[in-house]
Amino acid sequence: MDRNEPTWRKASRSSGNGGACVELAGFPDGIGIRDSKNPTGPKLLISHNTFRALLTRLGEGHGPE
């Protein structure tokens, strides 16, 4: 394993939904998000603060808006 490569993780509750999942990985400057069905495809990088705000909104029952 390349120590420079991030460790991508899929949510433990993601099985059973037809494979429609995202994976997350921590980077020094943010959180990487990718489609689990296309790991070599495009990736999104959002800041740690933006990711925390997203989790807060989702936890409150709101969409990401």
PDB file of N, CA and C in Angstrom:
ATOM      1  N   MET A   1       0.834  -1.178   0.000  1.00  0.00           N
ATOM      2  CA  MET A   1       0.000   0.000   0.000  1.00  0.00           C
ATOM      3  C   MET A   1       0.882   1.246   0.000  1.00  0.00           C
ATOM      4  N   ASP A   2       0.532   2.192  -0.846  1.00  0.00           N
ATOM      5  CA  ASP A   2       1.261   3.451  -0.934  1.00  0.00           C
ATOM      6  C   ASP A   2       0.835   4.349   0.222  1.00  0.00           C
ATOM      7  N   ARG A   3       1.780   4.733   1.053  1.00  0.00           N
ATOM      8  CA  ARG A   3       1.450   5.553   2.221  1.00  0.00           C
ATOM      9  C   ARG A   3       0.989   6.952   1.831  1.00  0.00           C
ATOM     10  N   ASN A   4       1.245   7.356   0.585  1.00  0.00           N
ATOM     11  CA  ASN A   4       0.802   8.667   0.119  1.00  0.00           C
ATOM     12  C   ASN A   4      -0.632   8.638  -0.409  1.00  0.00           C
ATOM     13  N   GLU A   5      -1.156   7.455  -0.628  1.00  0.00           N
ATOM     14  CA  GLU A   5      -2.524   7.317  -1.117  1.00  0.00           C
ATOM     15  C   GLU A   5      -3.497   7.394   0.062  1.00  0.00           C
ATOM     16  N   PRO A   6      -4.587   8.119  -0.104  1.00  0.00           N
ATOM     17  CA  PRO A   6      -5.566   8.188   0.989  1.00  0.00           C
ATOM     18  C   PRO A   6      -6.304   6.867   1.160  1.00  0.00           C
ATOM     19  N   THR A   7      -6.838   6.655   2.325  1.00  0.00           N
ATOM     20  CA  THR A   7      -7.679   5.497   2.590  1.00  0.00           C
ATOM     21  C   THR A   7      -9.126   5.913   2.383  1.00  0.00           C
ATOM     22  N   TRP A   8      -9.738   5.351   1.354  1.00  0.00           N
ATOM     23  CA  TRP A   8     -11.130   5.672   1.044  1.00  0.00           C
ATOM     24  C   TRP A   8     -12.024   4.747   1.851  1.00  0.00           C
ATOM     25  N   ARG A   9     -13.095   5.310   2.431  1.00  0.00           N
ATOM     26  CA  ARG A   9     -14.011   4.526   3.260  1.00  0.00           C
ATOM     27  C   ARG A   9     -15.452   4.745   2.811  1.00  0.00           C
ATOM     28  N   LYS A  10     -16.184   3.659   2.830  1.00  0.00           N
ATOM     29  CA  LYS A  10     -17.606   3.690   2.501  1.00  0.00           C
ATOM     30  C   LYS A  10     -18.373   3.505   3.806  1.00  0.00           C
ATOM     31  N   ALA A  11     -19.511   4.139   3.928  1.00  0.00           N
ATOM     32  CA  ALA A  11     -20.325   4.025   5.146  1.00  0.00           C
ATOM     33  C   ALA A  11     -20.732   2.582   5.381  1.00  0.00           C
ATOM     34  N   SER A  12     -20.735   2.165   6.633  1.00  0.00           N
ATOM     35  CA  SER A  12     -21.101   0.785   6.959  1.00  0.00           C
ATOM     36  C   SER A  12     -22.557   0.496   6.631  1.00  0.00           C
ATOM     37  N   ARG A  13     -23.397   1.516   6.567  1.00  0.00           N
ATOM     38  CA  ARG A  13     -24.812   1.331   6.242  1.00  0.00           C
ATOM     39  C   ARG A  13     -25.087   1.413   4.741  1.00  0.00           C
ATOM     40  N   SER A  14     -24.063   1.459   3.935  1.00  0.00           N
ATOM     41  CA  SER A  14     -24.268   1.673   2.507  1.00  0.00           C
ATOM     42  C   SER A  14     -24.589   0.401   1.728  1.00  0.00           C
ATOM     43  N   SER A  15     -24.452  -0.764   2.323  1.00  0.00           N
ATOM     44  CA  SER A  15     -24.766  -1.989   1.593  1.00  0.00           C
ATOM     45  C   SER A  15     -26.271  -2.136   1.447  1.00  0.00           C
ATOM     46  N   GLY A  16     -26.682  -2.785   0.357  1.00  0.00           N
ATOM     47  CA  GLY A  16     -28.091  -3.044   0.155  1.00  0.00           C
ATOM     48  C   GLY A  16     -28.836  -1.953  -0.586  1.00  0.00           C
ATOM     49  N   ASN A  17     -28.137  -0.954  -1.093  1.00  0.00           N
ATOM     50  CA  ASN A  17     -28.828   0.103  -1.834  1.00  0.00           C
ATOM     51  C   ASN A  17     -28.446   0.084  -3.313  1.00  0.00           C
ATOM     52  N   GLY A  18     -28.086  -1.070  -3.824  1.00  0.00           N
ATOM     53  CA  GLY A  18     -27.757  -1.192  -5.240  1.00  0.00           C
ATOM     54  C   GLY A  18     -26.406  -0.625  -5.617  1.00  0.00           C
ATOM     55  N   GLY A  19     -25.555  -0.397  -4.647  1.00  0.00           N
ATOM     56  CA  GLY A  19     -24.212   0.100  -4.940  1.00  0.00           C
ATOM     57  C   GLY A  19     -24.135   1.605  -5.127  1.00  0.00           C
ATOM     58  N   ALA A  20     -25.216   2.322  -4.873  1.00  0.00           N
ATOM     59  CA  ALA A  20     -25.215   3.778  -5.023  1.00  0.00           C
ATOM     60  C   ALA A  20     -24.603   4.401  -3.769  1.00  0.00           C
ATOM     61  N   CYS A  21     -23.284   4.443  -3.728  1.00  0.00           N
ATOM     62  CA  CYS A  21     -22.588   4.885  -2.524  1.00  0.00           C
ATOM     63  C   CYS A  21     -21.524   5.913  -2.867  1.00  0.00           C
ATOM     64  N   VAL A  22     -21.178   6.687  -1.875  1.00  0.00           N
ATOM     65  CA  VAL A  22     -20.009   7.548  -1.979  1.00  0.00           C
ATOM     66  C   VAL A  22     -18.969   7.040  -1.003  1.00  0.00           C
ATOM     67  N   GLU A  23     -17.732   7.379  -1.286  1.00  0.00           N
ATOM     68  CA  GLU A  23     -16.634   7.054  -0.388  1.00  0.00           C
ATOM     69  C   GLU A  23     -15.977   8.359   0.027  1.00  0.00           C
ATOM     70  N   LEU A  24     -15.432   8.378   1.231  1.00  0.00           N
ATOM     71  CA  LEU A  24     -14.771   9.554   1.774  1.00  0.00           C
ATOM     72  C   LEU A  24     -13.334   9.226   2.128  1.00  0.00           C
ATOM     73  N   ALA A  25     -12.470  10.221   2.016  1.00  0.00           N
ATOM     74  CA  ALA A  25     -11.074  10.070   2.436  1.00  0.00           C
ATOM     75  C   ALA A  25     -10.604  11.397   3.014  1.00  0.00           C
ATOM     76  N   GLY A  26      -9.802  11.311   4.050  1.00  0.00           N
ATOM     77  CA  GLY A  26      -9.256  12.518   4.668  1.00  0.00           C
ATOM     78  C   GLY A  26      -7.984  12.959   3.974  1.00  0.00           C
ATOM     79  N   PHE A  27      -7.877  14.238   3.715  1.00  0.00           N
ATOM     80  CA  PHE A  27      -6.678  14.864   3.151  1.00  0.00           C
ATOM     81  C   PHE A  27      -6.285  16.008   4.070  1.00  0.00           C
ATOM     82  N   PRO A  28      -5.036  16.453   4.019  1.00  0.00           N
ATOM     83  CA  PRO A  28      -4.636  17.556   4.897  1.00  0.00           C
ATOM     84  C   PRO A  28      -5.478  18.813   4.708  1.00  0.00           C
ATOM     85  N   ASP A  29      -5.940  19.062   3.479  1.00  0.00           N
ATOM     86  CA  ASP A  29      -6.680  20.292   3.205  1.00  0.00           C
ATOM     87  C   ASP A  29      -8.177  20.091   3.026  1.00  0.00           C
ATOM     88  N   GLY A  30      -8.697  18.911   3.384  1.00  0.00           N
ATOM     89  CA  GLY A  30     -10.127  18.709   3.276  1.00  0.00           C
ATOM     90  C   GLY A  30     -10.535  17.250   3.231  1.00  0.00           C
ATOM     91  N   ILE A  31     -11.772  17.034   2.804  1.00  0.00           N
ATOM     92  CA  ILE A  31     -12.349  15.696   2.706  1.00  0.00           C
ATOM     93  C   ILE A  31     -12.610  15.404   1.235  1.00  0.00           C
ATOM     94  N   GLY A  32     -12.098  14.272   0.766  1.00  0.00           N
ATOM     95  CA  GLY A  32     -12.335  13.844  -0.603  1.00  0.00           C
ATOM     96  C   GLY A  32     -13.598  12.999  -0.674  1.00  0.00           C
ATOM     97  N   ILE A  33     -14.361  13.189  -1.739  1.00  0.00           N
ATOM     98  CA  ILE A  33     -15.603  12.450  -1.957  1.00  0.00           C
ATOM     99  C   ILE A  33     -15.556  11.885  -3.370  1.00  0.00           C
ATOM    100  N   ARG A  34     -15.893  10.590  -3.514  1.00  0.00           N
ATOM    101  CA  ARG A  34     -15.914   9.984  -4.840  1.00  0.00           C
ATOM    102  C   ARG A  34     -17.038   8.961  -4.921  1.00  0.00           C
ATOM    103  N   ASP A  35     -17.381   8.576  -6.132  1.00  0.00           N
ATOM    104  CA  ASP A  35     -18.387   7.553  -6.403  1.00  0.00           C
ATOM    105  C   ASP A  35     -17.726   6.186  -6.221  1.00  0.00           C
ATOM    106  N   SER A  36     -18.297   5.352  -5.371  1.00  0.00           N
ATOM    107  CA  SER A  36     -17.690   4.044  -5.098  1.00  0.00           C
ATOM    108  C   SER A  36     -17.696   3.133  -6.325  1.00  0.00           C
ATOM    109  N   LYS A  37     -18.618   3.361  -7.257  1.00  0.00           N
ATOM    110  CA  LYS A  37     -18.666   2.537  -8.467  1.00  0.00           C
ATOM    111  C   LYS A  37     -17.645   2.980  -9.505  1.00  0.00           C
ATOM    112  N   ASN A  38     -17.056   4.166  -9.326  1.00  0.00           N
ATOM    113  CA  ASN A  38     -16.104   4.703 -10.283  1.00  0.00           C
ATOM    114  C   ASN A  38     -14.919   5.323  -9.542  1.00  0.00           C
ATOM    115  N   PRO A  39     -14.117   4.498  -8.858  1.00  0.00           N
ATOM    116  CA  PRO A  39     -13.057   5.030  -8.005  1.00  0.00           C
ATOM    117  C   PRO A  39     -11.963   5.794  -8.756  1.00  0.00           C
ATOM    118  N   THR A  40     -11.827   5.573 -10.049  1.00  0.00           N
ATOM    119  CA  THR A  40     -10.813   6.308 -10.807  1.00  0.00           C
ATOM    120  C   THR A  40     -11.401   7.548 -11.473  1.00  0.00           C
ATOM    121  N   GLY A  41     -12.697   7.778 -11.269  1.00  0.00           N
ATOM    122  CA  GLY A  41     -13.369   8.930 -11.866  1.00  0.00           C
ATOM    123  C   GLY A  41     -13.108  10.202 -11.080  1.00  0.00           C
ATOM    124  N   PRO A  42     -13.904  11.221 -11.365  1.00  0.00           N
ATOM    125  CA  PRO A  42     -13.709  12.514 -10.699  1.00  0.00           C
ATOM    126  C   PRO A  42     -13.933  12.433  -9.195  1.00  0.00           C
ATOM    127  N   LYS A  43     -13.248  13.315  -8.499  1.00  0.00           N
ATOM    128  CA  LYS A  43     -13.346  13.393  -7.040  1.00  0.00           C
ATOM    129  C   LYS A  43     -13.623  14.836  -6.661  1.00  0.00           C
ATOM    130  N   LEU A  44     -14.307  15.000  -5.569  1.00  0.00           N
ATOM    131  CA  LEU A  44     -14.613  16.322  -5.039  1.00  0.00           C
ATOM    132  C   LEU A  44     -13.824  16.492  -3.748  1.00  0.00           C
ATOM    133  N   LEU A  45     -13.219  17.649  -3.564  1.00  0.00           N
ATOM    134  CA  LEU A  45     -12.510  17.948  -2.319  1.00  0.00           C
ATOM    135  C   LEU A  45     -13.181  19.155  -1.688  1.00  0.00           C
ATOM    136  N   ILE A  46     -13.683  18.987  -0.464  1.00  0.00           N
ATOM    137  CA  ILE A  46     -14.289  20.103   0.264  1.00  0.00           C
ATOM    138  C   ILE A  46     -13.520  20.321   1.560  1.00  0.00           C
ATOM    139  N   SER A  47     -13.561  21.540   2.031  1.00  0.00           N
ATOM    140  CA  SER A  47     -12.815  21.867   3.252  1.00  0.00           C
ATOM    141  C   SER A  47     -13.398  21.124   4.454  1.00  0.00           C
ATOM    142  N   HIS A  48     -12.602  21.014   5.484  1.00  0.00           N
ATOM    143  CA  HIS A  48     -13.062  20.376   6.721  1.00  0.00           C
ATOM    144  C   HIS A  48     -14.264  21.127   7.294  1.00  0.00           C
ATOM    145  N   ASN A  49     -14.229  22.460   7.258  1.00  0.00           N
ATOM    146  CA  ASN A  49     -15.343  23.242   7.792  1.00  0.00           C
ATOM    147  C   ASN A  49     -16.616  23.026   6.990  1.00  0.00           C
ATOM    148  N   THR A  50     -16.503  22.965   5.671  1.00  0.00           N
ATOM    149  CA  THR A  50     -17.672  22.729   4.829  1.00  0.00           C
ATOM    150  C   THR A  50     -18.244  21.346   5.094  1.00  0.00           C
ATOM    151  N   PHE A  51     -17.379  20.362   5.291  1.00  0.00           N
ATOM    152  CA  PHE A  51     -17.841  19.010   5.567  1.00  0.00           C
ATOM    153  C   PHE A  51     -18.580  18.949   6.907  1.00  0.00           C
ATOM    154  N   ARG A  52     -18.035  19.629   7.916  1.00  0.00           N
ATOM    155  CA  ARG A  52     -18.714  19.677   9.221  1.00  0.00           C
ATOM    156  C   ARG A  52     -20.084  20.343   9.094  1.00  0.00           C
ATOM    157  N   ALA A  53     -20.158  21.416   8.325  1.00  0.00           N
ATOM    158  CA  ALA A  53     -21.443  22.097   8.125  1.00  0.00           C
ATOM    159  C   ALA A  53     -22.435  21.184   7.402  1.00  0.00           C
ATOM    160  N   LEU A  54     -21.958  20.417   6.427  1.00  0.00           N
ATOM    161  CA  LEU A  54     -22.825  19.478   5.720  1.00  0.00           C
ATOM    162  C   LEU A  54     -23.367  18.429   6.686  1.00  0.00           C
ATOM    163  N   LEU A  55     -22.515  17.861   7.504  1.00  0.00           N
ATOM    164  CA  LEU A  55     -22.964  16.856   8.474  1.00  0.00           C
ATOM    165  C   LEU A  55     -23.966  17.448   9.464  1.00  0.00           C
ATOM    166  N   THR A  56     -23.743  18.679   9.883  1.00  0.00           N
ATOM    167  CA  THR A  56     -24.676  19.334  10.795  1.00  0.00           C
ATOM    168  C   THR A  56     -26.037  19.489  10.132  1.00  0.00           C
ATOM    169  N   ARG A  57     -26.058  19.973   8.893  1.00  0.00           N
ATOM    170  CA  ARG A  57     -27.325  20.156   8.171  1.00  0.00           C
ATOM    171  C   ARG A  57     -28.043  18.819   7.990  1.00  0.00           C
ATOM    172  N   LEU A  58     -27.317  17.809   7.601  1.00  0.00           N
ATOM    173  CA  LEU A  58     -27.935  16.497   7.404  1.00  0.00           C
ATOM    174  C   LEU A  58     -28.469  15.948   8.725  1.00  0.00           C
ATOM    175  N   GLY A  59     -27.743  16.159   9.801  1.00  0.00           N
ATOM    176  CA  GLY A  59     -28.178  15.704  11.120  1.00  0.00           C
ATOM    177  C   GLY A  59     -29.429  16.411  11.600  1.00  0.00           C
ATOM    178  N   GLU A  60     -29.651  17.612  11.100  1.00  0.00           N
ATOM    179  CA  GLU A  60     -30.847  18.366  11.453  1.00  0.00           C
ATOM    180  C   GLU A  60     -32.036  17.987  10.561  1.00  0.00           C
ATOM    181  N   GLY A  61     -31.801  17.081   9.622  1.00  0.00           N
ATOM    182  CA  GLY A  61     -32.878  16.650   8.729  1.00  0.00           C
ATOM    183  C   GLY A  61     -33.020  17.502   7.495  1.00  0.00           C
ATOM    184  N   HIS A  62     -32.050  18.351   7.217  1.00  0.00           N
ATOM    185  CA  HIS A  62     -32.083  19.204   6.040  1.00  0.00           C
ATOM    186  C   HIS A  62     -31.220  18.587   4.939  1.00  0.00           C
ATOM    187  N   GLY A  63     -31.499  18.941   3.721  1.00  0.00           N
ATOM    188  CA  GLY A  63     -30.643  18.559   2.607  1.00  0.00           C
ATOM    189  C   GLY A  63     -29.430  19.445   2.561  1.00  0.00           C
ATOM    190  N   PRO A  64     -28.497  19.173   1.656  1.00  0.00           N
ATOM    191  CA  PRO A  64     -27.257  19.953   1.588  1.00  0.00           C
ATOM    192  C   PRO A  64     -27.439  21.366   1.071  1.00  0.00           C
ATOM    193  N   GLU A  65     -28.562  21.677   0.391  1.00  0.00           N
ATOM    194  CA  GLU A  65     -28.838  22.980  -0.207  1.00  0.00           C
ATOM    195  C   GLU A  65     -27.616  23.526  -0.832  1.00  0.00           C
TER     196      GLU A  65
END
